[in-house]
PDB file of N, CA and C in Angstrom:
ATOM      1  N   MET A   1     -74.481 122.269  31.000  1.00  0.00           N
ATOM      2  CA  MET A   1     -73.642 121.072  31.088  1.00  0.00           C
ATOM      3  C   MET A   1     -74.139 119.987  30.132  1.00  0.00           C
ATOM      4  N   LEU A   2     -75.448 119.879  30.027  1.00  0.00           N
ATOM      5  CA  LEU A   2     -76.015 118.850  29.154  1.00  0.00           C
ATOM      6  C   LEU A   2     -75.683 119.132  27.691  1.00  0.00           C
ATOM      7  N   TRP A   3     -75.690 120.401  27.310  1.00  0.00           N
ATOM      8  CA  TRP A   3     -75.420 120.721  25.906  1.00  0.00           C
ATOM      9  C   TRP A   3     -73.971 120.411  25.533  1.00  0.00           C
ATOM     10  N   ILE A   4     -73.057 120.522  26.491  1.00  0.00           N
ATOM     11  CA  ILE A   4     -71.658 120.168  26.222  1.00  0.00           C
ATOM     12  C   ILE A   4     -71.552 118.670  25.922  1.00  0.00           C
ATOM     13  N   ALA A   5     -72.263 117.875  26.713  1.00  0.00           N
ATOM     14  CA  ALA A   5     -72.254 116.429  26.486  1.00  0.00           C
ATOM     15  C   ALA A   5     -72.876 116.093  25.129  1.00  0.00           C
ATOM     16  N   LEU A   6     -73.943 116.802  24.768  1.00  0.00           N
ATOM     17  CA  LEU A   6     -74.580 116.554  23.474  1.00  0.00           C
ATOM     18  C   LEU A   6     -73.656 116.943  22.317  1.00  0.00           C
ATOM     19  N   VAL A   7     -72.975 118.066  22.453  1.00  0.00           N
ATOM     20  CA  VAL A   7     -72.045 118.491  21.406  1.00  0.00           C
ATOM     21  C   VAL A   7     -70.906 117.484  21.265  1.00  0.00           C
ATOM     22  N   LEU A   8     -70.376 117.013  22.391  1.00  0.00           N
ATOM     23  CA  LEU A   8     -69.308 116.017  22.334  1.00  0.00           C
ATOM     24  C   LEU A   8     -69.796 114.706  21.720  1.00  0.00           C
ATOM     25  N   LEU A   9     -71.006 114.313  22.065  1.00  0.00           N
ATOM     26  CA  LEU A   9     -71.577 113.091  21.501  1.00  0.00           C
ATOM     27  C   LEU A   9     -71.777 113.224  19.991  1.00  0.00           C
ATOM     28  N   LEU A  10     -72.269 114.385  19.557  1.00  0.00           N
ATOM     29  CA  LEU A  10     -72.447 114.612  18.123  1.00  0.00           C
ATOM     30  C   LEU A  10     -71.101 114.646  17.396  1.00  0.00           C
ATOM     31  N   ALA A  11     -70.095 115.227  18.018  1.00  0.00           N
ATOM     32  CA  ALA A  11     -68.767 115.262  17.410  1.00  0.00           C
ATOM     33  C   ALA A  11     -68.199 113.853  17.286  1.00  0.00           C
ATOM     34  N   LEU A  12     -68.407 113.044  18.310  1.00  0.00           N
ATOM     35  CA  LEU A  12     -67.940 111.658  18.259  1.00  0.00           C
ATOM     36  C   LEU A  12     -68.664 110.878  17.165  1.00  0.00           C
ATOM     37  N   ALA A  13     -69.988 111.071  17.078  1.00  0.00           N
ATOM     38  CA  ALA A  13     -70.761 110.381  16.041  1.00  0.00           C
ATOM     39  C   ALA A  13     -70.317 110.826  14.653  1.00  0.00           C
ATOM     40  N   ALA A  14     -70.057 112.110  14.480  1.00  0.00           N
ATOM     41  CA  ALA A  14     -69.604 112.610  13.182  1.00  0.00           C
ATOM     42  C   ALA A  14     -68.230 112.039  12.837  1.00  0.00           C
ATOM     43  N   GLY A  15     -67.372 111.919  13.827  1.00  0.00           N
ATOM     44  CA  GLY A  15     -66.057 111.334  13.578  1.00  0.00           C
ATOM     45  C   GLY A  15     -66.147 109.882  13.165  1.00  0.00           C
ATOM     46  N   VAL A  16     -67.012 109.128  13.840  1.00  0.00           N
ATOM     47  CA  VAL A  16     -67.184 107.714  13.498  1.00  0.00           C
ATOM     48  C   VAL A  16     -67.768 107.575  12.099  1.00  0.00           C
ATOM     49  N   LEU A  17     -68.791 108.378  11.789  1.00  0.00           N
ATOM     50  CA  LEU A  17     -69.395 108.302  10.461  1.00  0.00           C
ATOM     51  C   LEU A  17     -68.415 108.743   9.378  1.00  0.00           C
ATOM     52  N   GLY A  18     -67.610 109.750   9.674  1.00  0.00           N
ATOM     53  CA  GLY A  18     -66.601 110.183   8.714  1.00  0.00           C
ATOM     54  C   GLY A  18     -65.572 109.098   8.448  1.00  0.00           C
ATOM     55  N   THR A  19     -65.174 108.408   9.501  1.00  0.00           N
ATOM     56  CA  THR A  19     -64.210 107.313   9.341  1.00  0.00           C
ATOM     57  C   THR A  19     -64.811 106.176   8.522  1.00  0.00           C
ATOM     58  N   LEU A  20     -66.060 105.834   8.802  1.00  0.00           N
ATOM     59  CA  LEU A  20     -66.718 104.780   8.027  1.00  0.00           C
ATOM     60  C   LEU A  20     -66.849 105.172   6.565  1.00  0.00           C
ATOM     61  N   LEU A  21     -67.166 106.438   6.311  1.00  0.00           N
ATOM     62  CA  LEU A  21     -67.279 106.905   4.933  1.00  0.00           C
ATOM     63  C   LEU A  21     -65.932 106.841   4.227  1.00  0.00           C
ATOM     64  N   GLU A  22     -64.880 107.215   4.927  1.00  0.00           N
ATOM     65  CA  GLU A  22     -63.546 107.162   4.323  1.00  0.00           C
ATOM     66  C   GLU A  22     -63.144 105.723   4.014  1.00  0.00           C
ATOM     67  N   VAL A  23     -63.435 104.811   4.922  1.00  0.00           N
ATOM     68  CA  VAL A  23     -63.116 103.397   4.685  1.00  0.00           C
ATOM     69  C   VAL A  23     -63.906 102.874   3.488  1.00  0.00           C
ATOM     70  N   ALA A  24     -65.172 103.259   3.392  1.00  0.00           N
ATOM     71  CA  ALA A  24     -65.989 102.812   2.263  1.00  0.00           C
ATOM     72  C   ALA A  24     -65.456 103.368   0.945  1.00  0.00           C
ATOM     73  N   LEU A  25     -65.015 104.617   0.954  1.00  0.00           N
ATOM     74  CA  LEU A  25     -64.479 105.203  -0.275  1.00  0.00           C
ATOM     75  C   LEU A  25     -63.171 104.537  -0.685  1.00  0.00           C
ATOM     76  N   TRP A  26     -62.311 104.237   0.291  1.00  0.00           N
ATOM     77  CA  TRP A  26     -61.061 103.539  -0.031  1.00  0.00           C
ATOM     78  C   TRP A  26     -61.350 102.143  -0.572  1.00  0.00           C
ATOM     79  N   ALA A  27     -62.336 101.466   0.005  1.00  0.00           N
ATOM     80  CA  ALA A  27     -62.702 100.133  -0.489  1.00  0.00           C
ATOM     81  C   ALA A  27     -63.196 100.223  -1.931  1.00  0.00           C
ATOM     82  N   LEU A  28     -63.965 101.262  -2.231  1.00  0.00           N
ATOM     83  CA  LEU A  28     -64.460 101.446  -3.595  1.00  0.00           C
ATOM     84  C   LEU A  28     -63.313 101.723  -4.564  1.00  0.00           C
ATOM     85  N   VAL A  29     -62.377 102.561  -4.157  1.00  0.00           N
ATOM     86  CA  VAL A  29     -61.216 102.862  -5.007  1.00  0.00           C
ATOM     87  C   VAL A  29     -60.404 101.593  -5.262  1.00  0.00           C
ATOM     88  N   LEU A  30     -60.152 100.813  -4.211  1.00  0.00           N
ATOM     89  CA  LEU A  30     -59.385  99.576  -4.381  1.00  0.00           C
ATOM     90  C   LEU A  30     -60.123  98.575  -5.259  1.00  0.00           C
ATOM     91  N   LEU A  31     -61.450  98.531  -5.136  1.00  0.00           N
ATOM     92  CA  LEU A  31     -62.238  97.631  -5.970  1.00  0.00           C
ATOM     93  C   LEU A  31     -62.140  98.025  -7.438  1.00  0.00           C
ATOM     94  N   VAL A  32     -62.227  99.318  -7.721  1.00  0.00           N
ATOM     95  CA  VAL A  32     -62.140  99.782  -9.109  1.00  0.00           C
ATOM     96  C   VAL A  32     -60.748  99.520  -9.680  1.00  0.00           C
ATOM     97  N   VAL A  33     -59.707  99.827  -8.912  1.00  0.00           N
ATOM     98  CA  VAL A  33     -58.339  99.610  -9.390  1.00  0.00           C
ATOM     99  C   VAL A  33     -58.072  98.117  -9.585  1.00  0.00           C
ATOM    100  N   GLY A  34     -58.515  97.296  -8.643  1.00  0.00           N
ATOM    101  CA  GLY A  34     -58.332  95.851  -8.772  1.00  0.00           C
ATOM    102  C   GLY A  34     -59.064  95.286  -9.973  1.00  0.00           C
ATOM    103  N   SER A  35     -60.282  95.745 -10.206  1.00  0.00           N
ATOM    104  CA  SER A  35     -61.037  95.277 -11.367  1.00  0.00           C
ATOM    105  C   SER A  35     -60.362  95.696 -12.666  1.00  0.00           C
ATOM    106  N   ALA A  36     -59.826  96.910 -12.685  1.00  0.00           N
ATOM    107  CA  ALA A  36     -59.127  97.373 -13.888  1.00  0.00           C
ATOM    108  C   ALA A  36     -57.881  96.531 -14.150  1.00  0.00           C
ATOM    109  N   LEU A  37     -57.144  96.199 -13.104  1.00  0.00           N
ATOM    110  CA  LEU A  37     -55.948  95.371 -13.285  1.00  0.00           C
ATOM    111  C   LEU A  37     -56.302  93.966 -13.759  1.00  0.00           C
ATOM    112  N   VAL A  38     -57.336  93.378 -13.175  1.00  0.00           N
ATOM    113  CA  VAL A  38     -57.757  92.043 -13.605  1.00  0.00           C
ATOM    114  C   VAL A  38     -58.229  92.082 -15.053  1.00  0.00           C
ATOM    115  N   GLY A  39     -58.977  93.114 -15.409  1.00  0.00           N
ATOM    116  CA  GLY A  39     -59.429  93.252 -16.791  1.00  0.00           C
ATOM    117  C   GLY A  39     -58.275  93.421 -17.759  1.00  0.00           C
ATOM    118  N   LEU A  40     -57.276  94.190 -17.360  1.00  0.00           N
ATOM    119  CA  LEU A  40     -56.106  94.394 -18.219  1.00  0.00           C
ATOM    120  C   LEU A  40     -55.340  93.092 -18.428  1.00  0.00           C
ATOM    121  N   VAL A  41     -55.151  92.340 -17.350  1.00  0.00           N
ATOM    122  CA  VAL A  41     -54.441  91.061 -17.462  1.00  0.00           C
ATOM    123  C   VAL A  41     -55.227  90.095 -18.341  1.00  0.00           C
ATOM    124  N   ALA A  42     -56.541  90.030 -18.143  1.00  0.00           N
ATOM    125  CA  ALA A  42     -57.359  89.128 -18.955  1.00  0.00           C
ATOM    126  C   ALA A  42     -57.342  89.555 -20.417  1.00  0.00           C
ATOM    127  N   TRP A  43     -57.419  90.844 -20.675  1.00  0.00           N
ATOM    128  CA  TRP A  43     -57.405  91.342 -22.050  1.00  0.00           C
ATOM    129  C   TRP A  43     -56.080  91.028 -22.730  1.00  0.00           C
ATOM    130  N   ARG A  44     -54.994  91.194 -22.005  1.00  0.00           N
ATOM    131  CA  ARG A  44     -53.678  90.891 -22.593  1.00  0.00           C
ATOM    132  C   ARG A  44     -53.534  89.393 -22.856  1.00  0.00           C
ATOM    133  N   ALA A  45     -54.066  88.566 -21.952  1.00  0.00           N
ATOM    134  CA  ALA A  45     -53.988  87.118 -22.160  1.00  0.00           C
ATOM    135  C   ALA A  45     -54.799  86.702 -23.385  1.00  0.00           C
ATOM    136  N   VAL A  46     -55.993  87.252 -23.521  1.00  0.00           N
ATOM    137  CA  VAL A  46     -56.839  86.902 -24.663  1.00  0.00           C
ATOM    138  C   VAL A  46     -56.241  87.435 -25.955  1.00  0.00           C
ATOM    139  N   SER A  47     -55.731  88.657 -25.921  1.00  0.00           N
ATOM    140  CA  SER A  47     -55.175  89.232 -27.150  1.00  0.00           C
ATOM    141  C   SER A  47     -53.886  88.515 -27.559  1.00  0.00           C
ATOM    142  N   SER A  48     -53.103  88.038 -26.597  1.00  0.00           N
ATOM    143  CA  SER A  48     -51.885  87.315 -26.966  1.00  0.00           C
ATOM    144  C   SER A  48     -52.231  85.954 -27.563  1.00  0.00           C
ATOM    145  N   ARG A  49     -53.281  85.319 -27.075  1.00  0.00           N
ATOM    146  CA  ARG A  49     -53.701  84.044 -27.668  1.00  0.00           C
ATOM    147  C   ARG A  49     -54.243  84.259 -29.068  1.00  0.00           C
ATOM    148  N   ALA A  50     -55.017  85.292 -29.250  1.00  0.00           N
ATOM    149  CA  ALA A  50     -55.570  85.571 -30.577  1.00  0.00           C
ATOM    150  C   ALA A  50     -54.453  85.941 -31.543  1.00  0.00           C
ATOM    151  N   GLY A  51     -53.458  86.653 -31.059  1.00  0.00           N
ATOM    152  CA  GLY A  51     -52.341  87.026 -31.921  1.00  0.00           C
ATOM    153  C   GLY A  51     -51.527  85.825 -32.341  1.00  0.00           C
ATOM    154  N   SER A  52     -51.342  84.863 -31.445  1.00  0.00           N
ATOM    155  CA  SER A  52     -50.542  83.689 -31.790  1.00  0.00           C
ATOM    156  C   SER A  52     -51.296  82.768 -32.738  1.00  0.00           C
ATOM    157  N   ALA A  53     -52.614  82.828 -32.768  1.00  0.00           N
ATOM    158  CA  ALA A  53     -53.383  82.001 -33.688  1.00  0.00           C
ATOM    159  C   ALA A  53     -53.205  82.480 -35.123  1.00  0.00           C
ATOM    160  N   HIS A  54     -52.906  83.756 -35.314  1.00  0.00           N
ATOM    161  CA  HIS A  54     -52.731  84.302 -36.657  1.00  0.00           C
ATOM    162  C   HIS A  54     -51.302  84.129 -37.162  1.00  0.00           C
ATOM    163  N   ARG A  55     -50.407  83.712 -36.301  1.00  0.00           N
ATOM    164  CA  ARG A  55     -49.011  83.552 -36.709  1.00  0.00           C
ATOM    165  C   ARG A  55     -48.611  82.087 -36.567  1.00  0.00           C
ATOM    166  N   PRO A  56     -48.627  81.338 -37.627  1.00  0.00           N
ATOM    167  CA  PRO A  56     -48.245  79.927 -37.504  1.00  0.00           C
ATOM    168  C   PRO A  56     -46.768  79.794 -37.148  1.00  0.00           C
ATOM    169  N   GLY A  57     -46.478  78.768 -36.394  1.00  0.00           N
ATOM    170  CA  GLY A  57     -45.105  78.537 -35.985  1.00  0.00           C
ATOM    171  C   GLY A  57     -44.769  79.110 -34.626  1.00  0.00           C
ATOM    172  N   ARG A  58     -45.651  79.903 -34.066  1.00  0.00           N
ATOM    173  CA  ARG A  58     -45.421  80.452 -32.717  1.00  0.00           C
ATOM    174  C   ARG A  58     -46.358  79.757 -31.746  1.00  0.00           C
ATOM    175  N   PRO A  59     -45.870  79.379 -30.606  1.00  0.00           N
ATOM    176  CA  PRO A  59     -46.744  78.673 -29.645  1.00  0.00           C
ATOM    177  C   PRO A  59     -47.756  79.601 -29.020  1.00  0.00           C
TER     178      PRO A  59
END
């Protein structure tokens, strides 16, 4: 009877740890995607300003 309780406890602990690992991986994926989007927007803003400096008459 005790071993059944231990197996259930280990299964519960593994489920909790698996869920935490999945949440951490999703957070990492969202962080990477968000950083890439921010970098892309910043790069486009800087490149558009640099491009307009080379073309007189354009704001």
